[in-house]
Protein backbone atom coordinates (compact mmCIF):
# COMPACT_ATOMS: atom_id res chain seq x y z
CA UNK A 1 246.72 125.13 64.54
CA UNK A 2 244.80 127.65 66.56
CA UNK A 3 244.11 125.20 69.38
CA UNK A 4 247.79 124.27 69.56
CA UNK A 5 248.78 127.91 69.95
CA UNK A 6 246.17 128.40 72.62
CA UNK A 7 247.51 125.40 74.52
CA UNK A 8 251.04 126.75 74.30
CA UNK A 9 249.86 130.12 75.49
CA UNK A 10 248.00 128.53 78.39
CA UNK A 11 251.10 126.56 79.36
CA UNK A 12 253.13 129.75 79.35
CA UNK A 13 250.53 131.47 81.51
CA UNK A 14 250.43 128.47 83.81
CA UNK A 15 254.19 128.18 84.42
CA UNK A 16 255.39 131.75 84.06
CA UNK A 17 254.43 132.97 87.56
CA UNK A 18 256.20 130.11 89.30
CA UNK A 19 259.31 130.62 87.15
CA UNK A 20 259.23 134.34 87.87
CA UNK A 21 258.86 133.79 91.61
CA UNK A 22 261.71 131.26 91.61
CA UNK A 23 264.07 133.58 89.74
CA UNK A 24 263.09 136.54 91.90
CA UNK A 25 263.64 134.48 95.05
CA UNK A 26 267.10 133.43 93.89
CA UNK A 27 268.07 137.06 93.29
CA UNK A 28 266.77 138.13 96.69
CA UNK A 29 268.59 135.28 98.43
CA UNK A 30 271.85 136.11 96.65
CA UNK A 31 271.51 139.78 97.50
CA UNK A 32 270.87 139.02 101.18
CA UNK A 33 273.73 136.52 101.29
CA UNK A 34 276.29 138.97 99.93
CA UNK A 35 274.96 141.82 102.05
CA UNK A 36 275.23 139.71 105.20
CA UNK A 37 278.68 138.51 104.22
CA UNK A 38 279.80 142.10 103.78
CA UNK A 39 278.36 143.10 107.16
CA UNK A 40 279.97 140.08 108.82
CA UNK A 41 283.39 140.90 107.35
CA UNK A 42 283.13 144.51 108.51
CA UNK A 43 282.15 143.49 112.03
CA UNK A 44 284.89 140.87 112.11
CA UNK A 45 287.50 143.43 111.14
CA UNK A 46 286.22 145.86 113.76
CA UNK A 47 286.32 143.22 116.49
CA UNK A 48 289.85 142.17 115.49
CA UNK A 49 291.06 145.77 115.64
CA UNK A 50 289.50 146.31 119.07
CA UNK A 51 290.97 143.05 120.36
CA UNK A 52 294.46 143.90 119.12
CA UNK A 53 294.28 147.42 120.51
CA UNK A 54 293.07 146.19 123.89
CA UNK A 55 295.83 143.59 124.11
CA UNK A 56 298.48 146.10 123.09
CA UNK A 57 297.39 148.31 125.97
CA UNK A 58 297.46 145.39 128.39
CA UNK A 59 300.95 144.38 127.24
CA UNK A 60 302.22 147.96 127.58
CA UNK A 61 300.88 148.14 131.12
CA UNK A 62 302.47 144.82 132.05
CA UNK A 63 305.82 145.80 130.58
CA UNK A 64 305.73 149.10 132.46
CA UNK A 65 304.76 147.32 135.67
CA UNK A 66 307.63 144.87 135.29
CA UNK A 67 310.02 147.68 134.40
CA UNK A 68 309.03 149.61 137.53
CA UNK A 69 309.31 146.49 139.61
CA UNK A 70 312.85 145.83 138.37
CA UNK A 71 314.08 149.40 138.86
């Protein structure tokens, strides 16, 4: 009985570090994934807003230029 328990304990000691590293790695990867996704979405929104604002200004200028040209 004692030898069997020792073998089980040795198996636990043998496999526990690799299991721990695997689980820890999964958590780190998930954290980085969601953090990068959040950053990407924020940058995407910022770029869209700048693009829309820039094009609105261009359209206003063109409409004013055409208006002045007509009158």
